[in-house]
């Protein structure tokens, strides 16, 4: 070995240092460009299906939370749509409710309850009974009641006069009783009636029913008559129900049918000589509407119970009265 090494030519020290440096450079890794390394890494990742990542959108690096904002937007839009849909047609709900209420009144039996009476209303005996004061009949202690209804100008007053003359009934007008009571000295209801009439309001039905009862009792006591024609009452369903509950059940209702244009012509002609303030075209039409809306349901209710006598009131008063007598005969009411 020593002989071999001695036979090899010796390399100068400077050449040995250069050679050593070359070897070291060859063994050291080459410098890497950071951008190139990044592209190489990304390319390697996408070439490997196990570590491939989904492609991100253009706003992936945005600092704003995109998906929560989209969720809020769509939720708000949906809630706004539901709110708008629920409020659709809200402005007309009052008219729909009013029409539905009127339909229920016409199609269903009335509720047997009273409207709230005013706080200053005196004690009224008629409102505190569970059964009628008078049983229906013609014997002593009994009473026969016939309601007379019809539109304004149908001729109720004329026919009531004929019935009183031939059948010995007592004619009671609810309107006349109210007007007399408000001027009567010492009346319990006078001031109340004046207040309601002055304010253009309807007098509480409790007062009207009590006045009718008082008039019936006075007639039986003073005149010995227990048969009554009650004209212009009941005007509303609750009035009919309460009167029959606490005073007397009616035998039937005499209803005068007449077209509106005929009644209007009669009232206008009557207004030329009667001097009544309500015999003008505007007031007449209001009275027509009131009768149709409030009183016709009463007629229809009694008609379903078989307690209505209908008379056509278009003909002359004498001809109309002949039909009235036929109806009375059919109901067992005889001439006196």
C-alpha atoms as a PDB file:
ATOM      1  CA  UNK A   1       0.000   0.000   0.000  1.00  0.00           C
ATOM      2  CA  UNK A   2       2.723   2.368   0.958  1.00  0.00           C
ATOM      3  CA  UNK A   3       4.567   1.511  -2.183  1.00  0.00           C
ATOM      4  CA  UNK A   4       1.478   2.213  -4.301  1.00  0.00           C
ATOM      5  CA  UNK A   5       0.860   5.561  -2.701  1.00  0.00           C
ATOM      6  CA  UNK A   6       4.393   6.451  -3.171  1.00  0.00           C
ATOM      7  CA  UNK A   7       4.145   5.596  -6.873  1.00  0.00           C
ATOM      8  CA  UNK A   8       1.087   7.917  -7.477  1.00  0.00           C
ATOM      9  CA  UNK A   9       1.828  11.447  -8.400  1.00  0.00           C
ATOM     10  CA  UNK A  10       1.163  13.925  -5.634  1.00  0.00           C
ATOM     11  CA  UNK A  11      -1.557  16.606  -6.126  1.00  0.00           C
ATOM     12  CA  UNK A  12      -0.631  20.031  -5.022  1.00  0.00           C
ATOM     13  CA  UNK A  13      -2.496  21.443  -1.996  1.00  0.00           C
ATOM     14  CA  UNK A  14      -4.165  24.193  -4.015  1.00  0.00           C
ATOM     15  CA  UNK A  15      -5.667  21.658  -6.465  1.00  0.00           C
ATOM     16  CA  UNK A  16      -6.921  19.514  -3.606  1.00  0.00           C
ATOM     17  CA  UNK A  17      -8.811  22.468  -2.081  1.00  0.00           C
ATOM     18  CA  UNK A  18     -10.502  23.300  -5.430  1.00  0.00           C
ATOM     19  CA  UNK A  19     -11.521  19.710  -6.009  1.00  0.00           C
ATOM     20  CA  UNK A  20     -12.949  19.440  -2.541  1.00  0.00           C
ATOM     21  CA  UNK A  21     -14.998  22.587  -3.086  1.00  0.00           C
ATOM     22  CA  UNK A  22     -16.408  21.241  -6.358  1.00  0.00           C
ATOM     23  CA  UNK A  23     -17.509  18.043  -4.686  1.00  0.00           C
ATOM     24  CA  UNK A  24     -19.195  19.932  -1.893  1.00  0.00           C
ATOM     25  CA  UNK A  25     -21.119  22.067  -4.358  1.00  0.00           C
ATOM     26  CA  UNK A  26     -22.251  18.998  -6.226  1.00  0.00           C
ATOM     27  CA  UNK A  27     -23.495  17.399  -3.018  1.00  0.00           C
ATOM     28  CA  UNK A  28     -25.434  20.523  -1.820  1.00  0.00           C
ATOM     29  CA  UNK A  29     -29.027  20.948  -3.066  1.00  0.00           C
ATOM     30  CA  UNK A  30     -29.645  23.568  -5.718  1.00  0.00           C
ATOM     31  CA  UNK A  31     -31.373  26.778  -4.633  1.00  0.00           C
ATOM     32  CA  UNK A  32     -35.159  26.698  -5.094  1.00  0.00           C
ATOM     33  CA  UNK A  33     -37.267  29.579  -6.470  1.00  0.00           C
ATOM     34  CA  UNK A  34     -40.185  30.135  -3.965  1.00  0.00           C
ATOM     35  CA  UNK A  35     -42.737  30.939  -6.702  1.00  0.00           C
ATOM     36  CA  UNK A  36     -41.674  27.925  -8.732  1.00  0.00           C
ATOM     37  CA  UNK A  37     -41.874  25.753  -5.638  1.00  0.00           C
ATOM     38  CA  UNK A  38     -45.404  26.981  -4.948  1.00  0.00           C
ATOM     39  CA  UNK A  39     -46.543  26.264  -8.516  1.00  0.00           C
ATOM     40  CA  UNK A  40     -44.908  22.841  -8.392  1.00  0.00           C
ATOM     41  CA  UNK A  41     -46.704  22.052  -5.107  1.00  0.00           C
ATOM     42  CA  UNK A  42     -50.085  23.172  -6.450  1.00  0.00           C
ATOM     43  CA  UNK A  43     -49.574  21.153  -9.630  1.00  0.00           C
ATOM     44  CA  UNK A  44     -48.646  18.104  -7.606  1.00  0.00           C
ATOM     45  CA  UNK A  45     -51.723  18.471  -5.420  1.00  0.00           C
ATOM     46  CA  UNK A  46     -54.086  18.662  -8.400  1.00  0.00           C
ATOM     47  CA  UNK A  47     -52.426  15.744 -10.080  1.00  0.00           C
ATOM     48  CA  UNK A  48     -53.076  13.626  -7.004  1.00  0.00           C
ATOM     49  CA  UNK A  49     -56.816  12.754  -6.839  1.00  0.00           C
ATOM     50  CA  UNK A  50     -56.610  11.863  -3.145  1.00  0.00           C
ATOM     51  CA  UNK A  51     -55.659  15.346  -2.063  1.00  0.00           C
ATOM     52  CA  UNK A  52     -57.371  17.364  -4.836  1.00  0.00           C
ATOM     53  CA  UNK A  53     -59.301  20.320  -3.448  1.00  0.00           C
ATOM     54  CA  UNK A  54     -62.388  21.949  -4.990  1.00  0.00           C
ATOM     55  CA  UNK A  55     -61.858  25.053  -7.035  1.00  0.00           C
ATOM     56  CA  UNK A  56     -62.619  28.190  -5.097  1.00  0.00           C
ATOM     57  CA  UNK A  57     -64.660  31.101  -6.429  1.00  0.00           C
ATOM     58  CA  UNK A  58     -63.464  34.579  -7.152  1.00  0.00           C
ATOM     59  CA  UNK A  59     -64.676  35.806  -3.730  1.00  0.00           C
ATOM     60  CA  UNK A  60     -63.042  32.979  -1.771  1.00  0.00           C
ATOM     61  CA  UNK A  61     -60.360  35.209  -0.362  1.00  0.00           C
ATOM     62  CA  UNK A  62     -62.850  38.022   0.384  1.00  0.00           C
ATOM     63  CA  UNK A  63     -63.068  39.013   4.078  1.00  0.00           C
ATOM     64  CA  UNK A  64     -66.933  39.335   3.859  1.00  0.00           C
ATOM     65  CA  UNK A  65     -69.079  36.318   5.006  1.00  0.00           C
ATOM     66  CA  UNK A  66     -70.957  35.733   1.734  1.00  0.00           C
ATOM     67  CA  UNK A  67     -73.149  32.767   2.652  1.00  0.00           C
ATOM     68  CA  UNK A  68     -74.579  34.281   5.902  1.00  0.00           C
ATOM     69  CA  UNK A  69     -75.454  37.450   3.974  1.00  0.00           C
ATOM     70  CA  UNK A  70     -77.241  35.460   1.291  1.00  0.00           C
ATOM     71  CA  UNK A  71     -79.173  33.541   3.962  1.00  0.00           C
ATOM     72  CA  UNK A  72     -80.268  36.789   5.632  1.00  0.00           C
ATOM     73  CA  UNK A  73     -81.361  38.266   2.289  1.00  0.00           C
ATOM     74  CA  UNK A  74     -83.519  35.312   1.265  1.00  0.00           C
ATOM     75  CA  UNK A  75     -85.033  34.971   4.766  1.00  0.00           C
ATOM     76  CA  UNK A  76     -85.989  38.654   4.820  1.00  0.00           C
ATOM     77  CA  UNK A  77     -87.517  38.441   1.354  1.00  0.00           C
ATOM     78  CA  UNK A  78     -89.631  35.448   2.364  1.00  0.00           C
ATOM     79  CA  UNK A  79     -90.882  37.139   5.546  1.00  0.00           C
ATOM     80  CA  UNK A  80     -91.771  40.313   3.616  1.00  0.00           C
ATOM     81  CA  UNK A  81     -93.766  38.262   1.110  1.00  0.00           C
ATOM     82  CA  UNK A  82     -95.693  36.510   3.883  1.00  0.00           C
ATOM     83  CA  UNK A  83     -96.460  39.828   5.612  1.00  0.00           C
ATOM     84  CA  UNK A  84     -97.697  41.401   2.377  1.00  0.00           C
ATOM     85  CA  UNK A  85     -99.881  38.382   1.648  1.00  0.00           C
ATOM     86  CA  UNK A  86    -101.423  38.435   5.125  1.00  0.00           C
ATOM     87  CA  UNK A  87    -102.306  42.137   4.814  1.00  0.00           C
ATOM     88  CA  UNK A  88    -103.802  41.843   1.352  1.00  0.00           C
ATOM     89  CA  UNK A  89    -107.366  43.233   1.368  1.00  0.00           C
ATOM     90  CA  UNK A  90    -107.114  44.291   5.006  1.00  0.00           C
ATOM     91  CA  UNK A  91    -108.753  47.633   4.276  1.00  0.00           C
ATOM     92  CA  UNK A  92    -111.975  45.881   3.150  1.00  0.00           C
ATOM     93  CA  UNK A  93    -112.238  43.576   6.143  1.00  0.00           C
ATOM     94  CA  UNK A  94    -114.712  45.929   7.860  1.00  0.00           C
ATOM     95  CA  UNK A  95    -117.199  45.649   4.969  1.00  0.00           C
ATOM     96  CA  UNK A  96    -116.785  41.892   4.729  1.00  0.00           C
ATOM     97  CA  UNK A  97    -117.422  41.570   8.464  1.00  0.00           C
ATOM     98  CA  UNK A  98    -120.506  43.801   8.243  1.00  0.00           C
ATOM     99  CA  UNK A  99    -121.946  41.776   5.347  1.00  0.00           C
ATOM    100  CA  UNK A 100    -121.270  38.497   7.160  1.00  0.00           C
ATOM    101  CA  UNK A 101    -122.991  39.801  10.304  1.00  0.00           C
ATOM    102  CA  UNK A 102    -126.085  40.842   8.312  1.00  0.00           C
ATOM    103  CA  UNK A 103    -126.220  37.418   6.677  1.00  0.00           C
ATOM    104  CA  UNK A 104    -126.048  35.614  10.036  1.00  0.00           C
ATOM    105  CA  UNK A 105    -128.932  37.746  11.357  1.00  0.00           C
ATOM    106  CA  UNK A 106    -131.089  36.778   8.385  1.00  0.00           C
ATOM    107  CA  UNK A 107    -130.275  33.070   8.273  1.00  0.00           C
ATOM    108  CA  UNK A 108    -129.940  32.085  11.926  1.00  0.00           C
ATOM    109  CA  UNK A 109    -132.396  32.241  14.844  1.00  0.00           C
ATOM    110  CA  UNK A 110    -131.802  35.308  17.029  1.00  0.00           C
ATOM    111  CA  UNK A 111    -129.784  35.144  20.210  1.00  0.00           C
ATOM    112  CA  UNK A 112    -132.057  35.558  23.172  1.00  0.00           C
ATOM    113  CA  UNK A 113    -129.966  38.245  24.809  1.00  0.00           C
ATOM    114  CA  UNK A 114    -130.469  41.958  25.318  1.00  0.00           C
ATOM    115  CA  UNK A 115    -128.297  44.813  24.262  1.00  0.00           C
ATOM    116  CA  UNK A 116    -126.639  46.772  27.037  1.00  0.00           C
ATOM    117  CA  UNK A 117    -129.116  49.144  28.661  1.00  0.00           C
ATOM    118  CA  UNK A 118    -128.024  52.681  29.631  1.00  0.00           C
ATOM    119  CA  UNK A 119    -126.797  53.129  33.182  1.00  0.00           C
ATOM    120  CA  UNK A 120    -129.487  55.715  34.060  1.00  0.00           C
ATOM    121  CA  UNK A 121    -132.390  53.498  32.940  1.00  0.00           C
ATOM    122  CA  UNK A 122    -135.066  53.176  35.666  1.00  0.00           C
ATOM    123  CA  UNK A 123    -136.091  49.770  36.955  1.00  0.00           C
ATOM    124  CA  UNK A 124    -138.225  47.992  34.336  1.00  0.00           C
ATOM    125  CA  UNK A 125    -140.380  45.058  35.524  1.00  0.00           C
ATOM    126  CA  UNK A 126    -140.815  43.653  32.006  1.00  0.00           C
ATOM    127  CA  UNK A 127    -137.113  42.853  31.806  1.00  0.00           C
ATOM    128  CA  UNK A 128    -137.078  40.758  34.991  1.00  0.00           C
ATOM    129  CA  UNK A 129    -139.525  37.998  34.011  1.00  0.00           C
ATOM    130  CA  UNK A 130    -138.821  34.468  32.898  1.00  0.00           C
ATOM    131  CA  UNK A 131    -142.302  33.955  31.406  1.00  0.00           C
ATOM    132  CA  UNK A 132    -144.887  36.218  29.684  1.00  0.00           C
ATOM    133  CA  UNK A 133    -147.114  38.423  31.809  1.00  0.00           C
ATOM    134  CA  UNK A 134    -150.167  37.518  29.688  1.00  0.00           C
ATOM    135  CA  UNK A 135    -150.929  34.030  28.357  1.00  0.00           C
ATOM    136  CA  UNK A 136    -152.204  34.054  24.778  1.00  0.00           C
ATOM    137  CA  UNK A 137    -156.006  33.890  24.564  1.00  0.00           C
ATOM    138  CA  UNK A 138    -159.253  35.825  24.874  1.00  0.00           C
ATOM    139  CA  UNK A 139    -160.271  34.832  28.394  1.00  0.00           C
ATOM    140  CA  UNK A 140    -159.850  37.000  31.467  1.00  0.00           C
ATOM    141  CA  UNK A 141    -156.181  37.425  32.331  1.00  0.00           C
ATOM    142  CA  UNK A 142    -155.161  36.533  28.781  1.00  0.00           C
ATOM    143  CA  UNK A 143    -154.323  38.704  25.777  1.00  0.00           C
ATOM    144  CA  UNK A 144    -154.386  38.493  21.989  1.00  0.00           C
ATOM    145  CA  UNK A 145    -151.568  40.364  20.271  1.00  0.00           C
ATOM    146  CA  UNK A 146    -151.175  40.932  16.523  1.00  0.00           C
ATOM    147  CA  UNK A 147    -148.079  42.701  15.232  1.00  0.00           C
ATOM    148  CA  UNK A 148    -148.692  44.995  12.238  1.00  0.00           C
ATOM    149  CA  UNK A 149    -145.671  45.509   9.975  1.00  0.00           C
ATOM    150  CA  UNK A 150    -145.073  46.977   6.547  1.00  0.00           C
ATOM    151  CA  UNK A 151    -142.911  49.523   4.827  1.00  0.00           C
ATOM    152  CA  UNK A 152    -143.536  53.257   5.212  1.00  0.00           C
ATOM    153  CA  UNK A 153    -146.553  54.160   3.118  1.00  0.00           C
ATOM    154  CA  UNK A 154    -147.945  50.622   2.958  1.00  0.00           C
ATOM    155  CA  UNK A 155    -151.242  51.767   4.526  1.00  0.00           C
ATOM    156  CA  UNK A 156    -150.917  50.242   8.016  1.00  0.00           C
ATOM    157  CA  UNK A 157    -152.719  53.092   9.772  1.00  0.00           C
ATOM    158  CA  UNK A 158    -155.772  52.945   7.508  1.00  0.00           C
ATOM    159  CA  UNK A 159    -156.185  49.196   7.894  1.00  0.00           C
ATOM    160  CA  UNK A 160    -155.677  49.325  11.666  1.00  0.00           C
ATOM    161  CA  UNK A 161    -158.591  51.764  11.908  1.00  0.00           C
ATOM    162  CA  UNK A 162    -160.806  49.305  10.003  1.00  0.00           C
ATOM    163  CA  UNK A 163    -159.764  46.402  12.242  1.00  0.00           C
ATOM    164  CA  UNK A 164    -160.416  48.405  15.424  1.00  0.00           C
ATOM    165  CA  UNK A 165    -163.893  49.298  14.146  1.00  0.00           C
ATOM    166  CA  UNK A 166    -164.946  45.781  13.083  1.00  0.00           C
ATOM    167  CA  UNK A 167    -162.993  43.458  15.400  1.00  0.00           C
ATOM    168  CA  UNK A 168    -162.856  45.595  18.579  1.00  0.00           C
ATOM    169  CA  UNK A 169    -159.088  45.549  18.891  1.00  0.00           C
ATOM    170  CA  UNK A 170    -157.111  48.233  20.706  1.00  0.00           C
ATOM    171  CA  UNK A 171    -154.607  49.957  18.420  1.00  0.00           C
ATOM    172  CA  UNK A 172    -151.240  50.647  20.084  1.00  0.00           C
ATOM    173  CA  UNK A 173    -148.590  52.592  18.200  1.00  0.00           C
ATOM    174  CA  UNK A 174    -145.090  52.378  19.658  1.00  0.00           C
ATOM    175  CA  UNK A 175    -144.178  55.759  18.180  1.00  0.00           C
ATOM    176  CA  UNK A 176    -147.257  57.463  19.624  1.00  0.00           C
ATOM    177  CA  UNK A 177    -146.569  55.983  23.058  1.00  0.00           C
ATOM    178  CA  UNK A 178    -143.006  57.324  23.055  1.00  0.00           C
ATOM    179  CA  UNK A 179    -144.124  60.811  22.006  1.00  0.00           C
ATOM    180  CA  UNK A 180    -146.833  60.900  24.674  1.00  0.00           C
ATOM    181  CA  UNK A 181    -144.521  59.601  27.389  1.00  0.00           C
ATOM    182  CA  UNK A 182    -141.828  62.236  26.888  1.00  0.00           C
ATOM    183  CA  UNK A 183    -144.368  64.994  27.593  1.00  0.00           C
ATOM    184  CA  UNK A 184    -146.210  63.279  30.448  1.00  0.00           C
ATOM    185  CA  UNK A 185    -145.788  64.895  33.852  1.00  0.00           C
ATOM    186  CA  UNK A 186    -143.973  62.680  36.365  1.00  0.00           C
ATOM    187  CA  UNK A 187    -142.803  60.189  33.734  1.00  0.00           C
ATOM    188  CA  UNK A 188    -139.903  57.943  34.683  1.00  0.00           C
ATOM    189  CA  UNK A 189    -138.778  57.819  31.061  1.00  0.00           C
ATOM    190  CA  UNK A 190    -139.604  61.321  29.781  1.00  0.00           C
ATOM    191  CA  UNK A 191    -136.148  62.861  30.149  1.00  0.00           C
ATOM    192  CA  UNK A 192    -134.469  59.743  28.793  1.00  0.00           C
ATOM    193  CA  UNK A 193    -136.719  59.663  25.705  1.00  0.00           C
ATOM    194  CA  UNK A 194    -136.112  63.362  25.026  1.00  0.00           C
ATOM    195  CA  UNK A 195    -132.359  62.857  25.279  1.00  0.00           C
ATOM    196  CA  UNK A 196    -132.342  59.987  22.798  1.00  0.00           C
ATOM    197  CA  UNK A 197    -134.627  61.742  20.329  1.00  0.00           C
ATOM    198  CA  UNK A 198    -132.568  64.948  20.586  1.00  0.00           C
ATOM    199  CA  UNK A 199    -129.347  63.043  19.848  1.00  0.00           C
ATOM    200  CA  UNK A 200    -130.949  61.161  16.954  1.00  0.00           C
ATOM    201  CA  UNK A 201    -130.556  57.776  18.677  1.00  0.00           C
ATOM    202  CA  UNK A 202    -132.982  54.866  18.978  1.00  0.00           C
ATOM    203  CA  UNK A 203    -134.798  54.730  22.306  1.00  0.00           C
ATOM    204  CA  UNK A 204    -133.768  51.586  24.247  1.00  0.00           C
ATOM    205  CA  UNK A 205    -136.119  48.714  23.529  1.00  0.00           C
ATOM    206  CA  UNK A 206    -136.575  48.150  27.268  1.00  0.00           C
ATOM    207  CA  UNK A 207    -138.415  51.474  27.469  1.00  0.00           C
ATOM    208  CA  UNK A 208    -140.635  50.748  24.453  1.00  0.00           C
ATOM    209  CA  UNK A 209    -141.579  47.289  25.727  1.00  0.00           C
ATOM    210  CA  UNK A 210    -142.440  48.649  29.172  1.00  0.00           C
ATOM    211  CA  UNK A 211    -144.626  51.377  27.660  1.00  0.00           C
ATOM    212  CA  UNK A 212    -146.491  48.780  25.585  1.00  0.00           C
ATOM    213  CA  UNK A 213    -147.023  46.627  28.653  1.00  0.00           C
ATOM    214  CA  UNK A 214    -148.305  49.608  30.659  1.00  0.00           C
ATOM    215  CA  UNK A 215    -150.727  50.518  27.858  1.00  0.00           C
ATOM    216  CA  UNK A 216    -152.036  46.949  27.659  1.00  0.00           C
ATOM    217  CA  UNK A 217    -152.629  46.776  31.402  1.00  0.00           C
ATOM    218  CA  UNK A 218    -154.389  50.146  31.410  1.00  0.00           C
ATOM    219  CA  UNK A 219    -156.609  49.136  28.473  1.00  0.00           C
ATOM    220  CA  UNK A 220    -157.627  45.856  30.115  1.00  0.00           C
ATOM    221  CA  UNK A 221    -158.374  47.621  33.395  1.00  0.00           C
ATOM    222  CA  UNK A 222    -160.176  50.684  32.065  1.00  0.00           C
ATOM    223  CA  UNK A 223    -161.797  49.452  28.829  1.00  0.00           C
ATOM    224  CA  UNK A 224    -162.074  45.708  29.318  1.00  0.00           C
ATOM    225  CA  UNK A 225    -160.335  45.050  25.967  1.00  0.00           C
ATOM    226  CA  UNK A 226    -157.647  42.388  25.799  1.00  0.00           C
ATOM    227  CA  UNK A 227    -157.079  42.277  22.016  1.00  0.00           C
ATOM    228  CA  UNK A 228    -154.262  44.465  20.702  1.00  0.00           C
ATOM    229  CA  UNK A 229    -152.925  45.606  17.337  1.00  0.00           C
ATOM    230  CA  UNK A 230    -149.343  46.709  17.918  1.00  0.00           C
ATOM    231  CA  UNK A 231    -148.363  48.947  15.014  1.00  0.00           C
ATOM    232  CA  UNK A 232    -144.732  49.616  14.044  1.00  0.00           C
ATOM    233  CA  UNK A 233    -143.350  47.119  16.524  1.00  0.00           C
ATOM    234  CA  UNK A 234    -141.195  45.083  16.683  1.00  0.00           C
ATOM    235  CA  UNK A 235    -138.735  46.860  14.398  1.00  0.00           C
ATOM    236  CA  UNK A 236    -135.811  44.593  15.254  1.00  0.00           C
ATOM    237  CA  UNK A 237    -135.325  40.957  16.089  1.00  0.00           C
ATOM    238  CA  UNK A 238    -134.282  41.447  19.704  1.00  0.00           C
ATOM    239  CA  UNK A 239    -137.434  43.496  20.327  1.00  0.00           C
ATOM    240  CA  UNK A 240    -139.638  40.683  19.043  1.00  0.00           C
ATOM    241  CA  UNK A 241    -137.890  38.049  21.121  1.00  0.00           C
ATOM    242  CA  UNK A 242    -137.937  40.048  24.349  1.00  0.00           C
ATOM    243  CA  UNK A 243    -141.582  41.123  24.023  1.00  0.00           C
ATOM    244  CA  UNK A 244    -142.771  37.547  23.526  1.00  0.00           C
ATOM    245  CA  UNK A 245    -140.571  36.383  26.376  1.00  0.00           C
ATOM    246  CA  UNK A 246    -141.728  38.893  28.980  1.00  0.00           C
ATOM    247  CA  UNK A 247    -145.133  40.317  27.898  1.00  0.00           C
ATOM    248  CA  UNK A 248    -147.159  38.123  25.511  1.00  0.00           C
ATOM    249  CA  UNK A 249    -146.624  35.807  22.568  1.00  0.00           C
ATOM    250  CA  UNK A 250    -148.166  37.174  19.376  1.00  0.00           C
ATOM    251  CA  UNK A 251    -150.866  35.253  17.520  1.00  0.00           C
ATOM    252  CA  UNK A 252    -149.455  36.288  14.154  1.00  0.00           C
ATOM    253  CA  UNK A 253    -147.925  39.219  12.276  1.00  0.00           C
ATOM    254  CA  UNK A 254    -150.030  41.102   9.729  1.00  0.00           C
ATOM    255  CA  UNK A 255    -147.596  42.096   6.992  1.00  0.00           C
ATOM    256  CA  UNK A 256    -148.557  44.530   4.225  1.00  0.00           C
ATOM    257  CA  UNK A 257    -146.542  43.924   1.062  1.00  0.00           C
ATOM    258  CA  UNK A 258    -146.115  46.870  -1.270  1.00  0.00           C
ATOM    259  CA  UNK A 259    -143.532  47.839  -3.931  1.00  0.00           C
ATOM    260  CA  UNK A 260    -141.163  50.612  -2.984  1.00  0.00           C
ATOM    261  CA  UNK A 261    -142.140  52.957  -5.810  1.00  0.00           C
ATOM    262  CA  UNK A 262    -145.816  52.757  -4.801  1.00  0.00           C
ATOM    263  CA  UNK A 263    -145.049  53.551  -1.169  1.00  0.00           C
ATOM    264  CA  UNK A 264    -142.789  56.444  -2.194  1.00  0.00           C
ATOM    265  CA  UNK A 265    -145.516  57.987  -4.339  1.00  0.00           C
ATOM    266  CA  UNK A 266    -148.039  57.688  -1.507  1.00  0.00           C
ATOM    267  CA  UNK A 267    -145.722  59.333   1.018  1.00  0.00           C
ATOM    268  CA  UNK A 268    -144.816  62.203  -1.287  1.00  0.00           C
ATOM    269  CA  UNK A 269    -148.489  62.924  -1.925  1.00  0.00           C
ATOM    270  CA  UNK A 270    -149.207  62.688   1.798  1.00  0.00           C
ATOM    271  CA  UNK A 271    -146.372  65.084   2.560  1.00  0.00           C
ATOM    272  CA  UNK A 272    -148.064  67.821   0.530  1.00  0.00           C
ATOM    273  CA  UNK A 273    -150.823  68.076   3.151  1.00  0.00           C
ATOM    274  CA  UNK A 274    -149.565  66.281   6.263  1.00  0.00           C
ATOM    275  CA  UNK A 275    -146.753  68.674   7.114  1.00  0.00           C
ATOM    276  CA  UNK A 276    -144.611  65.796   8.397  1.00  0.00           C
ATOM    277  CA  UNK A 277    -140.899  66.576   8.144  1.00  0.00           C
ATOM    278  CA  UNK A 278    -140.008  62.991   7.235  1.00  0.00           C
ATOM    279  CA  UNK A 279    -142.299  62.891   4.178  1.00  0.00           C
ATOM    280  CA  UNK A 280    -139.568  63.979   1.753  1.00  0.00           C
ATOM    281  CA  UNK A 281    -137.690  61.880  -0.790  1.00  0.00           C
ATOM    282  CA  UNK A 282    -134.408  61.632   1.145  1.00  0.00           C
ATOM    283  CA  UNK A 283    -136.063  60.669   4.434  1.00  0.00           C
ATOM    284  CA  UNK A 284    -138.400  58.247   2.674  1.00  0.00           C
ATOM    285  CA  UNK A 285    -135.525  56.347   1.067  1.00  0.00           C
ATOM    286  CA  UNK A 286    -133.695  56.149   4.399  1.00  0.00           C
ATOM    287  CA  UNK A 287    -136.836  54.714   5.999  1.00  0.00           C
ATOM    288  CA  UNK A 288    -137.076  52.135   3.211  1.00  0.00           C
ATOM    289  CA  UNK A 289    -133.493  50.988   3.802  1.00  0.00           C
ATOM    290  CA  UNK A 290    -134.014  50.834   7.554  1.00  0.00           C
ATOM    291  CA  UNK A 291    -137.131  48.711   7.162  1.00  0.00           C
ATOM    292  CA  UNK A 292    -135.467  46.259   4.770  1.00  0.00           C
ATOM    293  CA  UNK A 293    -132.352  45.876   6.916  1.00  0.00           C
ATOM    294  CA  UNK A 294    -133.962  45.644  10.367  1.00  0.00           C
ATOM    295  CA  UNK A 295    -137.663  44.745  10.093  1.00  0.00           C
ATOM    296  CA  UNK A 296    -137.698  42.274   7.209  1.00  0.00           C
ATOM    297  CA  UNK A 297    -135.629  39.722   9.195  1.00  0.00           C
ATOM    298  CA  UNK A 298    -138.410  39.857  11.830  1.00  0.00           C
ATOM    299  CA  UNK A 299    -141.051  39.069   9.199  1.00  0.00           C
ATOM    300  CA  UNK A 300    -138.956  36.234   7.788  1.00  0.00           C
ATOM    301  CA  UNK A 301    -138.396  34.783  11.265  1.00  0.00           C
ATOM    302  CA  UNK A 302    -142.110  34.689  12.114  1.00  0.00           C
ATOM    303  CA  UNK A 303    -142.922  33.401   8.622  1.00  0.00           C
ATOM    304  CA  UNK A 304    -140.726  30.344   9.227  1.00  0.00           C
ATOM    305  CA  UNK A 305    -142.808  29.742  12.364  1.00  0.00           C
ATOM    306  CA  UNK A 306    -146.050  29.931  10.357  1.00  0.00           C
ATOM    307  CA  UNK A 307    -147.188  33.143  12.047  1.00  0.00           C
ATOM    308  CA  UNK A 308    -147.444  35.659   9.217  1.00  0.00           C
ATOM    309  CA  UNK A 309    -150.498  36.825   7.258  1.00  0.00           C
ATOM    310  CA  UNK A 310    -149.337  38.541   4.069  1.00  0.00           C
ATOM    311  CA  UNK A 311    -151.602  41.045   2.351  1.00  0.00           C
ATOM    312  CA  UNK A 312    -150.924  42.762  -0.969  1.00  0.00           C
ATOM    313  CA  UNK A 313    -151.318  46.494  -0.339  1.00  0.00           C
ATOM    314  CA  UNK A 314    -151.167  47.816  -3.909  1.00  0.00           C
ATOM    315  CA  UNK A 315    -154.933  47.987  -4.452  1.00  0.00           C
ATOM    316  CA  UNK A 316    -157.402  50.486  -3.039  1.00  0.00           C
ATOM    317  CA  UNK A 317    -157.837  50.566   0.769  1.00  0.00           C
ATOM    318  CA  UNK A 318    -161.230  48.828   0.545  1.00  0.00           C
ATOM    319  CA  UNK A 319    -159.853  46.039  -1.626  1.00  0.00           C
ATOM    320  CA  UNK A 320    -156.879  45.598   0.685  1.00  0.00           C
ATOM    321  CA  UNK A 321    -159.200  45.368   3.693  1.00  0.00           C
ATOM    322  CA  UNK A 322    -161.139  42.529   2.072  1.00  0.00           C
ATOM    323  CA  UNK A 323    -157.896  40.534   1.959  1.00  0.00           C
ATOM    324  CA  UNK A 324    -157.262  41.418   5.605  1.00  0.00           C
ATOM    325  CA  UNK A 325    -160.644  39.980   6.617  1.00  0.00           C
ATOM    326  CA  UNK A 326    -159.908  36.764   4.726  1.00  0.00           C
ATOM    327  CA  UNK A 327    -156.647  36.395   6.599  1.00  0.00           C
ATOM    328  CA  UNK A 328    -158.318  37.034   9.956  1.00  0.00           C
ATOM    329  CA  UNK A 329    -160.999  34.448   9.243  1.00  0.00           C
ATOM    330  CA  UNK A 330    -158.372  31.853   8.372  1.00  0.00           C
ATOM    331  CA  UNK A 331    -156.692  32.519  11.747  1.00  0.00           C
ATOM    332  CA  UNK A 332    -159.932  32.233  13.719  1.00  0.00           C
ATOM    333  CA  UNK A 333    -160.393  35.966  14.356  1.00  0.00           C
ATOM    334  CA  UNK A 334    -164.089  36.768  13.997  1.00  0.00           C
ATOM    335  CA  UNK A 335    -165.984  39.986  13.367  1.00  0.00           C
ATOM    336  CA  UNK A 336    -167.684  41.455  16.444  1.00  0.00           C
END
